Amino acid sequence: MDLMFDISGLTSDEEEFSSSKKDVLKYLKMIGVDTRFISYTPQKIYINNLRFSKFSRTREKTFKKKYPEIDVVRNKLFQKICYKSSKVLSDEIKPESVILMPKDNFMVELLLEPYTRKYGVKLVYGGVHDLKVNPLILDDEVNNIFEGIFKGEGLNLTKEDNEIYPLINVSIDWINSFLEMDNQELLDCENKDELAISFSEFLQNVAPQYRENVLTAAEFVDLKNKKLKAEK
């Protein structure tokens, strides 16, 4: 439910809010926004989930009166990316984990930042950690699978036990479409195997949703193989 009163009535005349992250998040919470479902940057607030964040237009108007220099991004494609990412991260992240972040990856920064409030995790860029972020995207993992099959190596899944994969279910097209709209540097696929890329391009024209299906099938087969080995 939107605010039906002046937010100034909640604070004393002496209380002031700075432009620090702590104060911005405090103010958002005060006006009724659930900050577990937004991503904070000093210049922009990105909404991850519009319904859960409760960041209505009325609340945005109230927020902008206090922080006119901070933009509020209501990008639907970004919200879809967050949804796909959360389906992976909710299973992989444990509360209060220390997570090693990759350097200079804006997309990963946005996706992981809310988990400092959701799960109380700590994001670090070196030193001791519980989990490490692998910024592998869906396209690269599918091409890795194809490359392994074509070379006779079997399933070439990248996943490691101590790593988390926030972009494993997200295509490069989605990521770069959002980054372009947000005036950010675009990403590039890491797997350069020509045969795998050529086969992926062929499948893209035949069945646009093939990547998700290939990854799901490969993970299912890999799990079955591991169970069979364990039973022997």
C-alpha atoms as a PDB file:
ATOM      1  CA  MET A   1       0.000   0.000   0.000  1.00  0.00           C
ATOM      2  CA  ASP A   2       1.414   3.406  -1.005  1.00  0.00           C
ATOM      3  CA  LEU A   3       2.112   6.132   1.480  1.00  0.00           C
ATOM      4  CA  MET A   4      -0.910   8.256   2.208  1.00  0.00           C
ATOM      5  CA  PHE A   5       0.950  10.841   4.254  1.00  0.00           C
ATOM      6  CA  ASP A   6       3.916  13.183   4.137  1.00  0.00           C
ATOM      7  CA  ILE A   7       7.149  11.303   4.809  1.00  0.00           C
ATOM      8  CA  SER A   8       8.510  14.329   6.615  1.00  0.00           C
ATOM      9  CA  GLY A   9       6.265  13.453   9.516  1.00  0.00           C
ATOM     10  CA  LEU A  10       8.356  10.353  10.172  1.00  0.00           C
ATOM     11  CA  THR A  11      11.555  12.237  10.883  1.00  0.00           C
ATOM     12  CA  SER A  12      12.542  14.990  13.224  1.00  0.00           C
ATOM     13  CA  ASP A  13      13.540  18.389  11.931  1.00  0.00           C
ATOM     14  CA  GLU A  14      17.118  17.709  12.981  1.00  0.00           C
ATOM     15  CA  GLU A  15      17.435  14.354  11.208  1.00  0.00           C
ATOM     16  CA  GLU A  16      19.238  14.510   7.900  1.00  0.00           C
ATOM     17  CA  PHE A  17      19.977  11.877   5.291  1.00  0.00           C
ATOM     18  CA  SER A  18      23.313  11.957   3.512  1.00  0.00           C
ATOM     19  CA  SER A  19      24.060  10.492   0.095  1.00  0.00           C
ATOM     20  CA  SER A  20      25.843   7.510   1.671  1.00  0.00           C
ATOM     21  CA  LYS A  21      24.670   4.021   0.795  1.00  0.00           C
ATOM     22  CA  LYS A  22      23.598   3.440   4.393  1.00  0.00           C
ATOM     23  CA  ASP A  23      21.368   6.518   4.442  1.00  0.00           C
ATOM     24  CA  VAL A  24      19.899   5.951   0.981  1.00  0.00           C
ATOM     25  CA  LEU A  25      18.887   2.397   1.921  1.00  0.00           C
ATOM     26  CA  LYS A  26      17.589   3.606   5.276  1.00  0.00           C
ATOM     27  CA  TYR A  27      15.393   6.174   3.571  1.00  0.00           C
ATOM     28  CA  LEU A  28      14.095   3.642   1.051  1.00  0.00           C
ATOM     29  CA  LYS A  29      13.143   1.318   3.874  1.00  0.00           C
ATOM     30  CA  MET A  30      11.481   4.193   5.720  1.00  0.00           C
ATOM     31  CA  ILE A  31       9.193   4.981   2.793  1.00  0.00           C
ATOM     32  CA  GLY A  32       8.186   1.326   2.449  1.00  0.00           C
ATOM     33  CA  VAL A  33      10.583  -0.086  -0.163  1.00  0.00           C
ATOM     34  CA  ASP A  34      11.919  -3.603   0.461  1.00  0.00           C
ATOM     35  CA  THR A  35      15.609  -3.136  -0.311  1.00  0.00           C
ATOM     36  CA  ARG A  36      16.196  -6.877  -0.654  1.00  0.00           C
ATOM     37  CA  PHE A  37      14.685  -6.563  -4.128  1.00  0.00           C
ATOM     38  CA  ILE A  38      16.604  -3.574  -5.469  1.00  0.00           C
ATOM     39  CA  SER A  39      20.232  -3.162  -6.523  1.00  0.00           C
ATOM     40  CA  TYR A  40      22.029  -0.107  -5.182  1.00  0.00           C
ATOM     41  CA  THR A  41      24.629   1.967  -7.009  1.00  0.00           C
ATOM     42  CA  PRO A  42      25.548   5.563  -6.130  1.00  0.00           C
ATOM     43  CA  GLN A  43      23.987   6.850  -9.368  1.00  0.00           C
ATOM     44  CA  LYS A  44      21.052   4.489  -9.869  1.00  0.00           C
ATOM     45  CA  ILE A  45      18.649   2.227  -8.032  1.00  0.00           C
ATOM     46  CA  TYR A  46      17.736  -0.826 -10.128  1.00  0.00           C
ATOM     47  CA  ILE A  47      14.471  -2.605  -9.342  1.00  0.00           C
ATOM     48  CA  ASN A  48      14.967  -6.402  -9.350  1.00  0.00           C
ATOM     49  CA  ASN A  49      11.360  -7.361  -8.629  1.00  0.00           C
ATOM     50  CA  LEU A  50       8.704  -4.672  -8.865  1.00  0.00           C
ATOM     51  CA  ARG A  51       6.044  -6.461  -6.815  1.00  0.00           C
ATOM     52  CA  PHE A  52       8.313  -7.644  -3.993  1.00  0.00           C
ATOM     53  CA  SER A  53      10.242  -4.379  -3.774  1.00  0.00           C
ATOM     54  CA  LYS A  54       6.998  -2.389  -3.389  1.00  0.00           C
ATOM     55  CA  PHE A  55       8.738   0.425  -5.241  1.00  0.00           C
ATOM     56  CA  SER A  56       5.611   2.076  -6.626  1.00  0.00           C
ATOM     57  CA  ARG A  57       5.537   5.271  -8.643  1.00  0.00           C
ATOM     58  CA  THR A  58       4.277   7.082  -5.550  1.00  0.00           C
ATOM     59  CA  ARG A  59       7.267   5.886  -3.524  1.00  0.00           C
ATOM     60  CA  GLU A  60       9.589   6.772  -6.385  1.00  0.00           C
ATOM     61  CA  LYS A  61       8.213  10.320  -6.387  1.00  0.00           C
ATOM     62  CA  THR A  62       8.814  10.550  -2.628  1.00  0.00           C
ATOM     63  CA  PHE A  63      12.333   9.157  -3.038  1.00  0.00           C
ATOM     64  CA  LYS A  64      13.195  11.566  -5.865  1.00  0.00           C
ATOM     65  CA  LYS A  65      12.252  14.541  -3.705  1.00  0.00           C
ATOM     66  CA  LYS A  66      14.955  13.490  -1.269  1.00  0.00           C
ATOM     67  CA  TYR A  67      17.478  12.157  -3.792  1.00  0.00           C
ATOM     68  CA  PRO A  68      16.847  13.859  -7.164  1.00  0.00           C
ATOM     69  CA  GLU A  69      20.353  12.931  -8.338  1.00  0.00           C
ATOM     70  CA  ILE A  70      19.702   9.160  -8.108  1.00  0.00           C
ATOM     71  CA  ASP A  71      17.790   7.560 -10.987  1.00  0.00           C
ATOM     72  CA  VAL A  72      15.335   4.712 -10.478  1.00  0.00           C
ATOM     73  CA  VAL A  73      15.601   2.065 -13.217  1.00  0.00           C
ATOM     74  CA  ARG A  74      12.438   0.103 -14.008  1.00  0.00           C
ATOM     75  CA  ASN A  75      13.850  -2.103 -16.721  1.00  0.00           C
ATOM     76  CA  LYS A  76      11.673  -5.161 -17.385  1.00  0.00           C
ATOM     77  CA  LEU A  77      14.474  -7.085 -19.079  1.00  0.00           C
ATOM     78  CA  PHE A  78      16.699  -6.567 -16.038  1.00  0.00           C
ATOM     79  CA  GLN A  79      13.909  -7.867 -13.820  1.00  0.00           C
ATOM     80  CA  LYS A  80      13.687 -10.994 -15.999  1.00  0.00           C
ATOM     81  CA  ILE A  81      17.453 -11.483 -15.699  1.00  0.00           C
ATOM     82  CA  CYS A  82      17.187 -11.131 -11.915  1.00  0.00           C
ATOM     83  CA  TYR A  83      14.436 -13.762 -11.835  1.00  0.00           C
ATOM     84  CA  LYS A  84      16.518 -16.274 -13.806  1.00  0.00           C
ATOM     85  CA  SER A  85      19.558 -15.548 -11.685  1.00  0.00           C
ATOM     86  CA  SER A  86      17.664 -15.886  -8.398  1.00  0.00           C
ATOM     87  CA  LYS A  87      16.535 -19.406  -9.311  1.00  0.00           C
ATOM     88  CA  VAL A  88      20.212 -20.411  -9.287  1.00  0.00           C
ATOM     89  CA  LEU A  89      21.513 -18.252  -6.452  1.00  0.00           C
ATOM     90  CA  SER A  90      18.774 -19.201  -3.989  1.00  0.00           C
ATOM     91  CA  ASP A  91      20.064 -22.786  -4.121  1.00  0.00           C
ATOM     92  CA  GLU A  92      23.789 -21.965  -4.164  1.00  0.00           C
ATOM     93  CA  ILE A  93      24.207 -19.185  -1.587  1.00  0.00           C
ATOM     94  CA  LYS A  94      24.174 -19.838   2.134  1.00  0.00           C
ATOM     95  CA  PRO A  95      23.427 -17.046   4.643  1.00  0.00           C
ATOM     96  CA  GLU A  96      26.405 -14.933   5.714  1.00  0.00           C
ATOM     97  CA  SER A  97      28.734 -16.486   3.142  1.00  0.00           C
ATOM     98  CA  VAL A  98      31.852 -14.617   2.051  1.00  0.00           C
ATOM     99  CA  ILE A  99      31.742 -14.433  -1.748  1.00  0.00           C
ATOM    100  CA  LEU A 100      34.726 -13.701  -3.987  1.00  0.00           C
ATOM    101  CA  MET A 101      33.625 -11.417  -6.818  1.00  0.00           C
ATOM    102  CA  PRO A 102      35.103 -11.072 -10.312  1.00  0.00           C
ATOM    103  CA  LYS A 103      36.665  -7.707 -11.111  1.00  0.00           C
ATOM    104  CA  ASP A 104      35.016  -5.263 -13.508  1.00  0.00           C
ATOM    105  CA  ASN A 105      31.788  -7.187 -14.113  1.00  0.00           C
ATOM    106  CA  PHE A 106      28.926  -4.716 -13.800  1.00  0.00           C
ATOM    107  CA  MET A 107      26.220  -7.321 -14.419  1.00  0.00           C
ATOM    108  CA  VAL A 108      27.419  -9.601 -11.630  1.00  0.00           C
ATOM    109  CA  GLU A 109      27.759  -6.623  -9.278  1.00  0.00           C
ATOM    110  CA  LEU A 110      24.105  -5.694  -9.799  1.00  0.00           C
ATOM    111  CA  LEU A 111      22.868  -9.246  -9.330  1.00  0.00           C
ATOM    112  CA  LEU A 112      24.845  -9.991  -6.158  1.00  0.00           C
ATOM    113  CA  GLU A 113      24.513  -6.628  -4.375  1.00  0.00           C
ATOM    114  CA  PRO A 114      20.972  -7.324  -3.016  1.00  0.00           C
ATOM    115  CA  TYR A 115      22.153 -10.580  -1.433  1.00  0.00           C
ATOM    116  CA  THR A 116      24.109  -8.546   1.110  1.00  0.00           C
ATOM    117  CA  ARG A 117      20.653  -7.753   2.508  1.00  0.00           C
ATOM    118  CA  LYS A 118      18.750 -10.895   1.511  1.00  0.00           C
ATOM    119  CA  TYR A 119      21.223 -13.362   3.012  1.00  0.00           C
ATOM    120  CA  GLY A 120      23.686 -11.120   4.803  1.00  0.00           C
ATOM    121  CA  VAL A 121      26.541 -12.184   2.522  1.00  0.00           C
ATOM    122  CA  LYS A 122      29.819 -10.304   2.257  1.00  0.00           C
ATOM    123  CA  LEU A 123      31.216  -9.521  -1.190  1.00  0.00           C
ATOM    124  CA  VAL A 124      35.021  -9.456  -1.366  1.00  0.00           C
ATOM    125  CA  TYR A 125      37.618  -9.077  -4.127  1.00  0.00           C
ATOM    126  CA  GLY A 126      40.427 -11.063  -2.572  1.00  0.00           C
ATOM    127  CA  GLY A 127      41.423 -13.084   0.459  1.00  0.00           C
ATOM    128  CA  VAL A 128      39.606 -15.859   2.298  1.00  0.00           C
ATOM    129  CA  HIS A 129      36.156 -16.725   0.959  1.00  0.00           C
ATOM    130  CA  ASP A 130      33.474 -19.420   1.083  1.00  0.00           C
ATOM    131  CA  LEU A 131      32.288 -19.165  -2.514  1.00  0.00           C
ATOM    132  CA  LYS A 132      33.638 -17.768  -5.749  1.00  0.00           C
ATOM    133  CA  VAL A 133      31.524 -16.175  -8.483  1.00  0.00           C
ATOM    134  CA  ASN A 134      32.022 -17.651 -11.924  1.00  0.00           C
ATOM    135  CA  PRO A 135      30.504 -15.203 -14.467  1.00  0.00           C
ATOM    136  CA  LEU A 136      29.874 -17.986 -16.989  1.00  0.00           C
ATOM    137  CA  ILE A 137      26.894 -17.185 -19.229  1.00  0.00           C
ATOM    138  CA  LEU A 138      24.396 -19.582 -20.755  1.00  0.00           C
ATOM    139  CA  ASP A 139      25.805 -19.333 -24.296  1.00  0.00           C
ATOM    140  CA  ASP A 140      29.316 -20.273 -23.197  1.00  0.00           C
ATOM    141  CA  GLU A 141      28.190 -23.251 -21.129  1.00  0.00           C
ATOM    142  CA  VAL A 142      26.100 -24.617 -24.005  1.00  0.00           C
ATOM    143  CA  ASN A 143      29.020 -24.133 -26.405  1.00  0.00           C
ATOM    144  CA  ASN A 144      31.275 -25.912 -23.884  1.00  0.00           C
ATOM    145  CA  ILE A 145      28.859 -28.854 -23.943  1.00  0.00           C
ATOM    146  CA  PHE A 146      28.824 -28.964 -27.746  1.00  0.00           C
ATOM    147  CA  GLU A 147      32.604 -28.632 -27.913  1.00  0.00           C
ATOM    148  CA  GLY A 148      33.058 -31.590 -25.556  1.00  0.00           C
ATOM    149  CA  ILE A 149      30.656 -33.745 -27.567  1.00  0.00           C
ATOM    150  CA  PHE A 150      32.231 -32.881 -30.926  1.00  0.00           C
ATOM    151  CA  LYS A 151      35.715 -33.637 -29.572  1.00  0.00           C
ATOM    152  CA  GLY A 152      34.588 -36.947 -28.098  1.00  0.00           C
ATOM    153  CA  GLU A 153      35.200 -35.773 -24.525  1.00  0.00           C
ATOM    154  CA  GLY A 154      31.615 -36.240 -23.363  1.00  0.00           C
ATOM    155  CA  LEU A 155      29.714 -33.622 -21.367  1.00  0.00           C
ATOM    156  CA  ASN A 156      31.912 -30.625 -20.695  1.00  0.00           C
ATOM    157  CA  LEU A 157      30.095 -29.033 -17.735  1.00  0.00           C
ATOM    158  CA  THR A 158      32.014 -26.254 -16.020  1.00  0.00           C
ATOM    159  CA  LYS A 159      30.436 -26.273 -12.561  1.00  0.00           C
ATOM    160  CA  GLU A 160      32.632 -26.579  -9.484  1.00  0.00           C
ATOM    161  CA  ASP A 161      31.418 -27.179  -5.923  1.00  0.00           C
ATOM    162  CA  ASN A 162      32.814 -23.943  -4.473  1.00  0.00           C
ATOM    163  CA  GLU A 163      31.577 -21.692  -7.284  1.00  0.00           C
ATOM    164  CA  ILE A 164      28.287 -19.906  -7.944  1.00  0.00           C
ATOM    165  CA  TYR A 165      26.950 -19.066 -11.384  1.00  0.00           C
ATOM    166  CA  PRO A 166      24.572 -16.072 -11.408  1.00  0.00           C
ATOM    167  CA  LEU A 167      24.505 -15.859 -15.232  1.00  0.00           C
ATOM    168  CA  ILE A 168      24.349 -19.561 -16.101  1.00  0.00           C
ATOM    169  CA  ASN A 169      20.660 -19.295 -17.094  1.00  0.00           C
ATOM    170  CA  VAL A 170      20.970 -15.953 -18.904  1.00  0.00           C
ATOM    171  CA  SER A 171      21.783 -15.528 -22.594  1.00  0.00           C
ATOM    172  CA  ILE A 172      24.302 -13.050 -23.966  1.00  0.00           C
ATOM    173  CA  ASP A 173      21.500 -11.426 -25.979  1.00  0.00           C
ATOM    174  CA  TRP A 174      19.527 -10.559 -22.833  1.00  0.00           C
ATOM    175  CA  ILE A 175      22.610  -9.345 -20.977  1.00  0.00           C
ATOM    176  CA  ASN A 176      23.873  -7.117 -23.764  1.00  0.00           C
ATOM    177  CA  SER A 177      20.417  -5.754 -24.583  1.00  0.00           C
ATOM    178  CA  PHE A 178      20.117  -4.555 -20.995  1.00  0.00           C
ATOM    179  CA  LEU A 179      23.711  -3.274 -20.823  1.00  0.00           C
ATOM    180  CA  GLU A 180      23.238  -1.344 -24.059  1.00  0.00           C
ATOM    181  CA  MET A 181      20.049   0.278 -22.762  1.00  0.00           C
ATOM    182  CA  ASP A 182      21.941   1.230 -19.600  1.00  0.00           C
ATOM    183  CA  ASN A 183      24.934   2.609 -21.515  1.00  0.00           C
ATOM    184  CA  GLN A 184      27.316   0.010 -20.077  1.00  0.00           C
ATOM    185  CA  GLU A 185      30.141  -1.931 -21.684  1.00  0.00           C
ATOM    186  CA  LEU A 186      28.902  -5.031 -23.506  1.00  0.00           C
ATOM    187  CA  LEU A 187      30.065  -8.574 -22.752  1.00  0.00           C
ATOM    188  CA  ASP A 188      31.491 -11.087 -25.186  1.00  0.00           C
ATOM    189  CA  CYS A 189      31.262 -14.872 -25.287  1.00  0.00           C
ATOM    190  CA  GLU A 190      34.394 -16.627 -24.019  1.00  0.00           C
ATOM    191  CA  ASN A 191      34.030 -19.912 -25.914  1.00  0.00           C
ATOM    192  CA  LYS A 192      35.437 -19.409 -29.424  1.00  0.00           C
ATOM    193  CA  ASP A 193      35.139 -22.966 -30.749  1.00  0.00           C
ATOM    194  CA  GLU A 194      33.999 -22.418 -34.358  1.00  0.00           C
ATOM    195  CA  LEU A 195      32.143 -25.719 -34.726  1.00  0.00           C
ATOM    196  CA  ALA A 196      30.250 -25.254 -31.462  1.00  0.00           C
ATOM    197  CA  ILE A 197      29.343 -21.670 -32.366  1.00  0.00           C
ATOM    198  CA  SER A 198      28.227 -22.668 -35.854  1.00  0.00           C
ATOM    199  CA  PHE A 199      26.011 -25.444 -34.464  1.00  0.00           C
ATOM    200  CA  SER A 200      24.555 -23.038 -31.878  1.00  0.00           C
ATOM    201  CA  GLU A 201      23.704 -20.533 -34.607  1.00  0.00           C
ATOM    202  CA  PHE A 202      21.970 -23.267 -36.598  1.00  0.00           C
ATOM    203  CA  LEU A 203      19.870 -24.324 -33.605  1.00  0.00           C
ATOM    204  CA  GLN A 204      19.024 -20.724 -32.805  1.00  0.00           C
ATOM    205  CA  ASN A 205      17.223 -20.445 -36.140  1.00  0.00           C
ATOM    206  CA  VAL A 206      15.390 -23.742 -35.621  1.00  0.00           C
ATOM    207  CA  ALA A 207      14.516 -23.622 -31.904  1.00  0.00           C
ATOM    208  CA  PRO A 208      15.202 -20.267 -30.134  1.00  0.00           C
ATOM    209  CA  GLN A 209      14.824 -21.824 -26.658  1.00  0.00           C
ATOM    210  CA  TYR A 210      17.316 -24.618 -27.314  1.00  0.00           C
ATOM    211  CA  ARG A 211      20.006 -23.339 -24.913  1.00  0.00           C
ATOM    212  CA  GLU A 212      17.943 -23.822 -21.763  1.00  0.00           C
ATOM    213  CA  ASN A 213      16.880 -27.282 -22.950  1.00  0.00           C
ATOM    214  CA  VAL A 214      20.451 -28.332 -23.780  1.00  0.00           C
ATOM    215  CA  LEU A 215      21.723 -27.217 -20.373  1.00  0.00           C
ATOM    216  CA  THR A 216      18.890 -28.928 -18.501  1.00  0.00           C
ATOM    217  CA  ALA A 217      19.407 -32.176 -20.440  1.00  0.00           C
ATOM    218  CA  ALA A 218      23.175 -32.103 -19.910  1.00  0.00           C
ATOM    219  CA  GLU A 219      22.808 -31.530 -16.157  1.00  0.00           C
ATOM    220  CA  PHE A 220      20.284 -34.391 -15.952  1.00  0.00           C
ATOM    221  CA  VAL A 221      22.587 -36.802 -17.803  1.00  0.00           C
ATOM    222  CA  ASP A 222      25.582 -35.694 -15.732  1.00  0.00           C
ATOM    223  CA  LEU A 223      23.667 -36.305 -12.491  1.00  0.00           C
ATOM    224  CA  LYS A 224      22.610 -39.767 -13.664  1.00  0.00           C
ATOM    225  CA  ASN A 225      26.188 -40.648 -14.584  1.00  0.00           C
ATOM    226  CA  LYS A 226      27.437 -39.561 -11.149  1.00  0.00           C
ATOM    227  CA  LYS A 227      24.792 -41.704  -9.418  1.00  0.00           C
ATOM    228  CA  LEU A 228      25.718 -44.736 -11.494  1.00  0.00           C
ATOM    229  CA  LYS A 229      29.405 -44.304 -10.662  1.00  0.00           C
ATOM    230  CA  ALA A 230      28.580 -43.947  -6.967  1.00  0.00           C
ATOM    231  CA  GLU A 231      26.569 -47.193  -6.989  1.00  0.00           C
ATOM    232  CA  LYS A 232      29.405 -49.230  -8.489  1.00  0.00           C
END
